[in-house]
Amino acid sequence: MNLNLYLSDIDGWLVCLKWAVIAPLHATLYYTIPDCKVKQNLFLVTFFMSILWTAIFSYVMVWMVSNFMSCSQVKRINNRMLKITKIR
């Protein structure tokens, strides 16, 4: 069995999986935040839309961690480890 062929096949699937996760996020940001290099008078809109998306992503991340922490009680995962992860 050729190990290099096997590893390159896995690497190809990982690249495809990464693209499948990142593509919707990239498309959402591309179509909702105007490019201030092209339309220079929209720099304030670009700035505030970037802040809005940062706030939305932060909220979703905290929501996901808090939901995982509530599920951790069922799975009996150590809460100290989850709190350390949440702080970082």
PDB file of N, CA and C in Angstrom:
ATOM      1  N   MET A   1       0.836  -1.183   0.000  1.00  0.00           N
ATOM      2  CA  MET A   1       0.000   0.000   0.000  1.00  0.00           C
ATOM      3  C   MET A   1       0.881   1.246   0.000  1.00  0.00           C
ATOM      4  N   ASN A   2       0.594   2.146  -0.892  1.00  0.00           N
ATOM      5  CA  ASN A   2       1.365   3.372  -1.003  1.00  0.00           C
ATOM      6  C   ASN A   2       0.833   4.395   0.005  1.00  0.00           C
ATOM      7  N   LEU A   3       1.642   4.705   1.027  1.00  0.00           N
ATOM      8  CA  LEU A   3       1.216   5.596   2.096  1.00  0.00           C
ATOM      9  C   LEU A   3       1.063   7.027   1.604  1.00  0.00           C
ATOM     10  N   ASN A   4       1.930   7.461   0.705  1.00  0.00           N
ATOM     11  CA  ASN A   4       1.842   8.837   0.192  1.00  0.00           C
ATOM     12  C   ASN A   4       0.532   9.074  -0.558  1.00  0.00           C
ATOM     13  N   LEU A   5       0.084   8.104  -1.327  1.00  0.00           N
ATOM     14  CA  LEU A   5      -1.176   8.229  -2.047  1.00  0.00           C
ATOM     15  C   LEU A   5      -2.333   8.317  -1.056  1.00  0.00           C
ATOM     16  N   TYR A   6      -2.280   7.509  -0.010  1.00  0.00           N
ATOM     17  CA  TYR A   6      -3.333   7.516   0.997  1.00  0.00           C
ATOM     18  C   TYR A   6      -3.384   8.860   1.729  1.00  0.00           C
ATOM     19  N   LEU A   7      -2.233   9.406   2.111  1.00  0.00           N
ATOM     20  CA  LEU A   7      -2.215  10.677   2.826  1.00  0.00           C
ATOM     21  C   LEU A   7      -2.674  11.825   1.934  1.00  0.00           C
ATOM     22  N   SER A   8      -2.304  11.802   0.667  1.00  0.00           N
ATOM     23  CA  SER A   8      -2.746  12.869  -0.222  1.00  0.00           C
ATOM     24  C   SER A   8      -4.251  12.793  -0.447  1.00  0.00           C
ATOM     25  N   ASP A   9      -4.813  11.581  -0.425  1.00  0.00           N
ATOM     26  CA  ASP A   9      -6.259  11.421  -0.573  1.00  0.00           C
ATOM     27  C   ASP A   9      -6.972  12.007   0.648  1.00  0.00           C
ATOM     28  N   ILE A  10      -6.438  11.761   1.838  1.00  0.00           N
ATOM     29  CA  ILE A  10      -7.029  12.329   3.047  1.00  0.00           C
ATOM     30  C   ILE A  10      -6.900  13.849   3.025  1.00  0.00           C
ATOM     31  N   ASP A  11      -5.752  14.335   2.618  1.00  0.00           N
ATOM     32  CA  ASP A  11      -5.542  15.776   2.557  1.00  0.00           C
ATOM     33  C   ASP A  11      -6.545  16.418   1.594  1.00  0.00           C
ATOM     34  N   GLY A  12      -6.846  15.750   0.513  1.00  0.00           N
ATOM     35  CA  GLY A  12      -7.826  16.270  -0.435  1.00  0.00           C
ATOM     36  C   GLY A  12      -9.213  16.373   0.177  1.00  0.00           C
ATOM     37  N   TRP A  13      -9.597  15.358   0.964  1.00  0.00           N
ATOM     38  CA  TRP A  13     -10.900  15.391   1.620  1.00  0.00           C
ATOM     39  C   TRP A  13     -10.941  16.471   2.694  1.00  0.00           C
ATOM     40  N   LEU A  14      -9.836  16.675   3.402  1.00  0.00           N
ATOM     41  CA  LEU A  14      -9.812  17.714   4.424  1.00  0.00           C
ATOM     42  C   LEU A  14      -9.925  19.100   3.803  1.00  0.00           C
ATOM     43  N   VAL A  15      -9.279  19.280   2.679  1.00  0.00           N
ATOM     44  CA  VAL A  15      -9.370  20.565   1.975  1.00  0.00           C
ATOM     45  C   VAL A  15     -10.814  20.794   1.506  1.00  0.00           C
ATOM     46  N   CYS A  16     -11.456  19.773   0.992  1.00  0.00           N
ATOM     47  CA  CYS A  16     -12.853  19.899   0.544  1.00  0.00           C
ATOM     48  C   CYS A  16     -13.779  20.183   1.725  1.00  0.00           C
ATOM     49  N   LEU A  17     -13.547  19.530   2.845  1.00  0.00           N
ATOM     50  CA  LEU A  17     -14.364  19.764   4.026  1.00  0.00           C
ATOM     51  C   LEU A  17     -14.169  21.183   4.552  1.00  0.00           C
ATOM     52  N   LYS A  18     -12.933  21.639   4.568  1.00  0.00           N
ATOM     53  CA  LYS A  18     -12.646  23.010   5.010  1.00  0.00           C
ATOM     54  C   LYS A  18     -13.340  24.013   4.096  1.00  0.00           C
ATOM     55  N   TRP A  19     -13.274  23.778   2.798  1.00  0.00           N
ATOM     56  CA  TRP A  19     -13.929  24.671   1.847  1.00  0.00           C
ATOM     57  C   TRP A  19     -15.438  24.668   2.055  1.00  0.00           C
ATOM     58  N   ALA A  20     -16.030  23.507   2.306  1.00  0.00           N
ATOM     59  CA  ALA A  20     -17.471  23.405   2.488  1.00  0.00           C
ATOM     60  C   ALA A  20     -17.939  24.147   3.738  1.00  0.00           C
ATOM     61  N   VAL A  21     -17.092  24.228   4.741  1.00  0.00           N
ATOM     62  CA  VAL A  21     -17.453  24.955   5.959  1.00  0.00           C
ATOM     63  C   VAL A  21     -17.246  26.455   5.781  1.00  0.00           C
ATOM     64  N   ILE A  22     -16.166  26.844   5.141  1.00  0.00           N
ATOM     65  CA  ILE A  22     -15.809  28.260   5.044  1.00  0.00           C
ATOM     66  C   ILE A  22     -16.562  28.984   3.924  1.00  0.00           C
ATOM     67  N   ALA A  23     -16.927  28.316   2.862  1.00  0.00           N
ATOM     68  CA  ALA A  23     -17.557  28.968   1.708  1.00  0.00           C
ATOM     69  C   ALA A  23     -18.847  29.719   2.053  1.00  0.00           C
ATOM     70  N   PRO A  24     -19.780  29.152   2.827  1.00  0.00           N
ATOM     71  CA  PRO A  24     -20.990  29.931   3.159  1.00  0.00           C
ATOM     72  C   PRO A  24     -20.682  31.174   3.997  1.00  0.00           C
ATOM     73  N   LEU A  25     -19.717  31.062   4.909  1.00  0.00           N
ATOM     74  CA  LEU A  25     -19.347  32.217   5.714  1.00  0.00           C
ATOM     75  C   LEU A  25     -18.717  33.309   4.847  1.00  0.00           C
ATOM     76  N   HIS A  26     -17.844  32.896   3.965  1.00  0.00           N
ATOM     77  CA  HIS A  26     -17.192  33.861   3.074  1.00  0.00           C
ATOM     78  C   HIS A  26     -18.211  34.533   2.159  1.00  0.00           C
ATOM     79  N   ALA A  27     -19.142  33.773   1.624  1.00  0.00           N
ATOM     80  CA  ALA A  27     -20.151  34.341   0.733  1.00  0.00           C
ATOM     81  C   ALA A  27     -21.057  35.319   1.482  1.00  0.00           C
ATOM     82  N   THR A  28     -21.427  34.966   2.714  1.00  0.00           N
ATOM     83  CA  THR A  28     -22.266  35.861   3.515  1.00  0.00           C
ATOM     84  C   THR A  28     -21.568  37.186   3.777  1.00  0.00           C
ATOM     85  N   LEU A  29     -20.307  37.124   4.158  1.00  0.00           N
ATOM     86  CA  LEU A  29     -19.567  38.355   4.415  1.00  0.00           C
ATOM     87  C   LEU A  29     -19.329  39.145   3.128  1.00  0.00           C
ATOM     88  N   TYR A  30     -19.068  38.448   2.038  1.00  0.00           N
ATOM     89  CA  TYR A  30     -18.798  39.114   0.764  1.00  0.00           C
ATOM     90  C   TYR A  30     -20.007  39.915   0.284  1.00  0.00           C
ATOM     91  N   TYR A  31     -21.205  39.348   0.441  1.00  0.00           N
ATOM     92  CA  TYR A  31     -22.402  40.011  -0.072  1.00  0.00           C
ATOM     93  C   TYR A  31     -23.029  40.994   0.903  1.00  0.00           C
ATOM     94  N   THR A  32     -22.637  40.980   2.183  1.00  0.00           N
ATOM     95  CA  THR A  32     -23.253  41.911   3.133  1.00  0.00           C
ATOM     96  C   THR A  32     -22.338  43.066   3.531  1.00  0.00           C
ATOM     97  N   ILE A  33     -21.040  42.947   3.316  1.00  0.00           N
ATOM     98  CA  ILE A  33     -20.116  44.027   3.649  1.00  0.00           C
ATOM     99  C   ILE A  33     -19.595  44.635   2.356  1.00  0.00           C
ATOM    100  N   PRO A  34     -19.887  45.920   2.125  1.00  0.00           N
ATOM    101  CA  PRO A  34     -19.415  46.534   0.882  1.00  0.00           C
ATOM    102  C   PRO A  34     -17.897  46.708   0.885  1.00  0.00           C
ATOM    103  N   ASP A  35     -17.314  46.652  -0.312  1.00  0.00           N
ATOM    104  CA  ASP A  35     -15.871  46.819  -0.460  1.00  0.00           C
ATOM    105  C   ASP A  35     -15.550  48.303  -0.512  1.00  0.00           C
ATOM    106  N   CYS A  36     -14.830  48.779   0.503  1.00  0.00           N
ATOM    107  CA  CYS A  36     -14.551  50.224   0.555  1.00  0.00           C
ATOM    108  C   CYS A  36     -13.418  50.627  -0.389  1.00  0.00           C
ATOM    109  N   LYS A  37     -12.747  49.665  -1.000  1.00  0.00           N
ATOM    110  CA  LYS A  37     -11.753  50.016  -2.018  1.00  0.00           C
ATOM    111  C   LYS A  37     -12.431  50.419  -3.318  1.00  0.00           C
ATOM    112  N   VAL A  38     -13.576  49.802  -3.592  1.00  0.00           N
ATOM    113  CA  VAL A  38     -14.305  50.109  -4.819  1.00  0.00           C
ATOM    114  C   VAL A  38     -15.191  51.336  -4.624  1.00  0.00           C
ATOM    115  N   LYS A  39     -15.966  51.328  -3.541  1.00  0.00           N
ATOM    116  CA  LYS A  39     -16.859  52.453  -3.232  1.00  0.00           C
ATOM    117  C   LYS A  39     -16.335  53.126  -1.970  1.00  0.00           C
ATOM    118  N   GLN A  40     -15.512  54.134  -2.148  1.00  0.00           N
ATOM    119  CA  GLN A  40     -14.819  54.747  -1.024  1.00  0.00           C
ATOM    120  C   GLN A  40     -15.743  55.535  -0.102  1.00  0.00           C
ATOM    121  N   ASN A  41     -16.893  55.928  -0.565  1.00  0.00           N
ATOM    122  CA  ASN A  41     -17.796  56.683   0.290  1.00  0.00           C
ATOM    123  C   ASN A  41     -18.569  55.781   1.257  1.00  0.00           C
ATOM    124  N   LEU A  42     -18.423  54.467   1.147  1.00  0.00           N
ATOM    125  CA  LEU A  42     -19.128  53.533   2.031  1.00  0.00           C
ATOM    126  C   LEU A  42     -18.233  52.966   3.125  1.00  0.00           C
ATOM    127  N   PHE A  43     -17.166  53.670   3.474  1.00  0.00           N
ATOM    128  CA  PHE A  43     -16.241  53.124   4.470  1.00  0.00           C
ATOM    129  C   PHE A  43     -16.880  52.994   5.847  1.00  0.00           C
ATOM    130  N   LEU A  44     -17.806  53.893   6.198  1.00  0.00           N
ATOM    131  CA  LEU A  44     -18.486  53.778   7.488  1.00  0.00           C
ATOM    132  C   LEU A  44     -19.433  52.578   7.525  1.00  0.00           C
ATOM    133  N   VAL A  45     -20.107  52.329   6.421  1.00  0.00           N
ATOM    134  CA  VAL A  45     -20.981  51.151   6.339  1.00  0.00           C
ATOM    135  C   VAL A  45     -20.148  49.882   6.468  1.00  0.00           C
ATOM    136  N   THR A  46     -19.004  49.848   5.801  1.00  0.00           N
ATOM    137  CA  THR A  46     -18.107  48.697   5.896  1.00  0.00           C
ATOM    138  C   THR A  46     -17.655  48.488   7.334  1.00  0.00           C
ATOM    139  N   PHE A  47     -17.285  49.560   8.006  1.00  0.00           N
ATOM    140  CA  PHE A  47     -16.814  49.479   9.380  1.00  0.00           C
ATOM    141  C   PHE A  47     -17.908  48.947  10.311  1.00  0.00           C
ATOM    142  N   PHE A  48     -19.102  49.511  10.227  1.00  0.00           N
ATOM    143  CA  PHE A  48     -20.173  49.096  11.129  1.00  0.00           C
ATOM    144  C   PHE A  48     -20.709  47.700  10.801  1.00  0.00           C
ATOM    145  N   MET A  49     -20.719  47.325   9.532  1.00  0.00           N
ATOM    146  CA  MET A  49     -21.125  45.956   9.185  1.00  0.00           C
ATOM    147  C   MET A  49     -20.107  44.949   9.705  1.00  0.00           C
ATOM    148  N   SER A  50     -18.831  45.303   9.672  1.00  0.00           N
ATOM    149  CA  SER A  50     -17.796  44.418  10.222  1.00  0.00           C
ATOM    150  C   SER A  50     -17.977  44.255  11.727  1.00  0.00           C
ATOM    151  N   ILE A  51     -18.284  45.348  12.410  1.00  0.00           N
ATOM    152  CA  ILE A  51     -18.539  45.264  13.856  1.00  0.00           C
ATOM    153  C   ILE A  51     -19.780  44.420  14.128  1.00  0.00           C
ATOM    154  N   LEU A  52     -20.817  44.597  13.329  1.00  0.00           N
ATOM    155  CA  LEU A  52     -22.038  43.808  13.506  1.00  0.00           C
ATOM    156  C   LEU A  52     -21.771  42.315  13.335  1.00  0.00           C
ATOM    157  N   TRP A  53     -21.033  41.946  12.282  1.00  0.00           N
ATOM    158  CA  TRP A  53     -20.741  40.528  12.061  1.00  0.00           C
ATOM    159  C   TRP A  53     -19.828  39.969  13.148  1.00  0.00           C
ATOM    160  N   THR A  54     -18.901  40.772  13.665  1.00  0.00           N
ATOM    161  CA  THR A  54     -18.066  40.320  14.778  1.00  0.00           C
ATOM    162  C   THR A  54     -18.929  40.051  16.002  1.00  0.00           C
ATOM    163  N   ALA A  55     -19.900  40.920  16.267  1.00  0.00           N
ATOM    164  CA  ALA A  55     -20.802  40.717  17.398  1.00  0.00           C
ATOM    165  C   ALA A  55     -21.657  39.464  17.207  1.00  0.00           C
ATOM    166  N   ILE A  56     -22.154  39.249  16.003  1.00  0.00           N
ATOM    167  CA  ILE A  56     -22.973  38.064  15.732  1.00  0.00           C
ATOM    168  C   ILE A  56     -22.154  36.784  15.906  1.00  0.00           C
ATOM    169  N   PHE A  57     -20.949  36.759  15.342  1.00  0.00           N
ATOM    170  CA  PHE A  57     -20.102  35.572  15.483  1.00  0.00           C
ATOM    171  C   PHE A  57     -19.724  35.327  16.942  1.00  0.00           C
ATOM    172  N   SER A  58     -19.453  36.393  17.704  1.00  0.00           N
ATOM    173  CA  SER A  58     -19.123  36.239  19.123  1.00  0.00           C
ATOM    174  C   SER A  58     -20.309  35.685  19.892  1.00  0.00           C
ATOM    175  N   TYR A  59     -21.499  36.190  19.607  1.00  0.00           N
ATOM    176  CA  TYR A  59     -22.701  35.699  20.283  1.00  0.00           C
ATOM    177  C   TYR A  59     -22.926  34.218  19.991  1.00  0.00           C
ATOM    178  N   VAL A  60     -22.780  33.833  18.738  1.00  0.00           N
ATOM    179  CA  VAL A  60     -22.990  32.431  18.365  1.00  0.00           C
ATOM    180  C   VAL A  60     -21.957  31.526  19.040  1.00  0.00           C
ATOM    181  N   MET A  61     -20.710  31.978  19.105  1.00  0.00           N
ATOM    182  CA  MET A  61     -19.677  31.164  19.758  1.00  0.00           C
ATOM    183  C   MET A  61     -19.966  30.986  21.239  1.00  0.00           C
ATOM    184  N   VAL A  62     -20.361  32.043  21.930  1.00  0.00           N
ATOM    185  CA  VAL A  62     -20.680  31.936  23.353  1.00  0.00           C
ATOM    186  C   VAL A  62     -21.921  31.078  23.555  1.00  0.00           C
ATOM    187  N   TRP A  63     -22.906  31.214  22.692  1.00  0.00           N
ATOM    188  CA  TRP A  63     -24.117  30.400  22.773  1.00  0.00           C
ATOM    189  C   TRP A  63     -23.785  28.916  22.594  1.00  0.00           C
ATOM    190  N   MET A  64     -22.909  28.620  21.633  1.00  0.00           N
ATOM    191  CA  MET A  64     -22.534  27.223  21.410  1.00  0.00           C
ATOM    192  C   MET A  64     -21.784  26.655  22.610  1.00  0.00           C
ATOM    193  N   VAL A  65     -20.883  27.425  23.206  1.00  0.00           N
ATOM    194  CA  VAL A  65     -20.139  26.944  24.372  1.00  0.00           C
ATOM    195  C   VAL A  65     -21.069  26.743  25.552  1.00  0.00           C
ATOM    196  N   SER A  66     -22.005  27.659  25.758  1.00  0.00           N
ATOM    197  CA  SER A  66     -22.911  27.509  26.893  1.00  0.00           C
ATOM    198  C   SER A  66     -23.834  26.313  26.700  1.00  0.00           C
ATOM    199  N   ASN A  67     -24.259  26.049  25.478  1.00  0.00           N
ATOM    200  CA  ASN A  67     -25.065  24.855  25.226  1.00  0.00           C
ATOM    201  C   ASN A  67     -24.245  23.586  25.413  1.00  0.00           C
ATOM    202  N   PHE A  68     -22.988  23.629  25.008  1.00  0.00           N
ATOM    203  CA  PHE A  68     -22.142  22.458  25.197  1.00  0.00           C
ATOM    204  C   PHE A  68     -21.901  22.210  26.675  1.00  0.00           C
ATOM    205  N   MET A  69     -21.791  23.287  27.456  1.00  0.00           N
ATOM    206  CA  MET A  69     -21.584  23.113  28.897  1.00  0.00           C
ATOM    207  C   MET A  69     -22.810  22.494  29.549  1.00  0.00           C
ATOM    208  N   SER A  70     -24.014  22.824  29.086  1.00  0.00           N
ATOM    209  CA  SER A  70     -25.201  22.198  29.650  1.00  0.00           C
ATOM    210  C   SER A  70     -25.290  20.730  29.233  1.00  0.00           C
ATOM    211  N   CYS A  71     -24.805  20.415  28.034  1.00  0.00           N
ATOM    212  CA  CYS A  71     -24.780  19.016  27.595  1.00  0.00           C
ATOM    213  C   CYS A  71     -23.677  18.239  28.294  1.00  0.00           C
ATOM    214  N   SER A  72     -22.681  18.933  28.816  1.00  0.00           N
ATOM    215  CA  SER A  72     -21.567  18.244  29.461  1.00  0.00           C
ATOM    216  C   SER A  72     -22.001  17.573  30.746  1.00  0.00           C
ATOM    217  N   GLN A  73     -23.047  18.080  31.378  1.00  0.00           N
ATOM    218  CA  GLN A  73     -23.529  17.449  32.599  1.00  0.00           C
ATOM    219  C   GLN A  73     -24.094  16.074  32.291  1.00  0.00           C
ATOM    220  N   VAL A  74     -24.698  15.923  31.124  1.00  0.00           N
ATOM    221  CA  VAL A  74     -25.218  14.623  30.724  1.00  0.00           C
ATOM    222  C   VAL A  74     -24.066  13.679  30.383  1.00  0.00           C
ATOM    223  N   LYS A  75     -23.034  14.224  29.719  1.00  0.00           N
ATOM    224  CA  LYS A  75     -21.905  13.400  29.306  1.00  0.00           C
ATOM    225  C   LYS A  75     -20.853  13.253  30.398  1.00  0.00           C
ATOM    226  N   ARG A  76     -21.032  13.954  31.515  1.00  0.00           N
ATOM    227  CA  ARG A  76     -20.134  13.904  32.666  1.00  0.00           C
ATOM    228  C   ARG A  76     -18.714  14.336  32.318  1.00  0.00           C
ATOM    229  N   ILE A  77     -18.623  15.434  31.601  1.00  0.00           N
ATOM    230  CA  ILE A  77     -17.324  16.026  31.293  1.00  0.00           C
ATOM    231  C   ILE A  77     -16.991  16.978  32.429  1.00  0.00           C
ATOM    232  N   ASN A  78     -15.734  17.037  32.808  1.00  0.00           N
ATOM    233  CA  ASN A  78     -15.302  17.875  33.914  1.00  0.00           C
ATOM    234  C   ASN A  78     -15.594  19.351  33.606  1.00  0.00           C
ATOM    235  N   ASN A  79     -16.344  20.017  34.481  1.00  0.00           N
ATOM    236  CA  ASN A  79     -16.716  21.419  34.255  1.00  0.00           C
ATOM    237  C   ASN A  79     -15.522  22.348  34.326  1.00  0.00           C
ATOM    238  N   ARG A  80     -14.502  22.001  35.083  1.00  0.00           N
ATOM    239  CA  ARG A  80     -13.324  22.865  35.164  1.00  0.00           C
ATOM    240  C   ARG A  80     -12.648  22.981  33.796  1.00  0.00           C
ATOM    241  N   MET A  81     -12.548  21.874  33.098  1.00  0.00           N
ATOM    242  CA  MET A  81     -11.937  21.906  31.768  1.00  0.00           C
ATOM    243  C   MET A  81     -12.767  22.763  30.807  1.00  0.00           C
ATOM    244  N   LEU A  82     -14.079  22.658  30.887  1.00  0.00           N
ATOM    245  CA  LEU A  82     -14.932  23.438  29.997  1.00  0.00           C
ATOM    246  C   LEU A  82     -14.865  24.927  30.328  1.00  0.00           C
ATOM    247  N   LYS A  83     -14.759  25.273  31.597  1.00  0.00           N
ATOM    248  CA  LYS A  83     -14.653  26.684  31.968  1.00  0.00           C
ATOM    249  C   LYS A  83     -13.325  27.263  31.494  1.00  0.00           C
ATOM    250  N   ILE A  84     -12.254  26.479  31.579  1.00  0.00           N
ATOM    251  CA  ILE A  84     -10.964  26.943  31.078  1.00  0.00           C
ATOM    252  C   ILE A  84     -11.050  27.165  29.571  1.00  0.00           C
ATOM    253  N   THR A  85     -11.701  26.244  28.883  1.00  0.00           N
ATOM    254  CA  THR A  85     -11.870  26.381  27.433  1.00  0.00           C
ATOM    255  C   THR A  85     -12.716  27.609  27.112  1.00  0.00           C
ATOM    256  N   LYS A  86     -13.750  27.867  27.910  1.00  0.00           N
ATOM    257  CA  LYS A  86     -14.625  29.011  27.670  1.00  0.00           C
ATOM    258  C   LYS A  86     -13.885  30.333  27.898  1.00  0.00           C
ATOM    259  N   ILE A  87     -13.004  30.357  28.893  1.00  0.00           N
ATOM    260  CA  ILE A  87     -12.253  31.577  29.179  1.00  0.00           C
ATOM    261  C   ILE A  87     -11.293  31.903  28.053  1.00  0.00           C
ATOM    262  N   ARG A  88     -10.636  30.899  27.497  1.00  0.00           N
ATOM    263  CA  ARG A  88      -9.683  31.133  26.417  1.00  0.00           C
ATOM    264  C   ARG A  88     -10.411  31.554  25.201  1.00  0.00           C
TER     265      ARG A  88
END
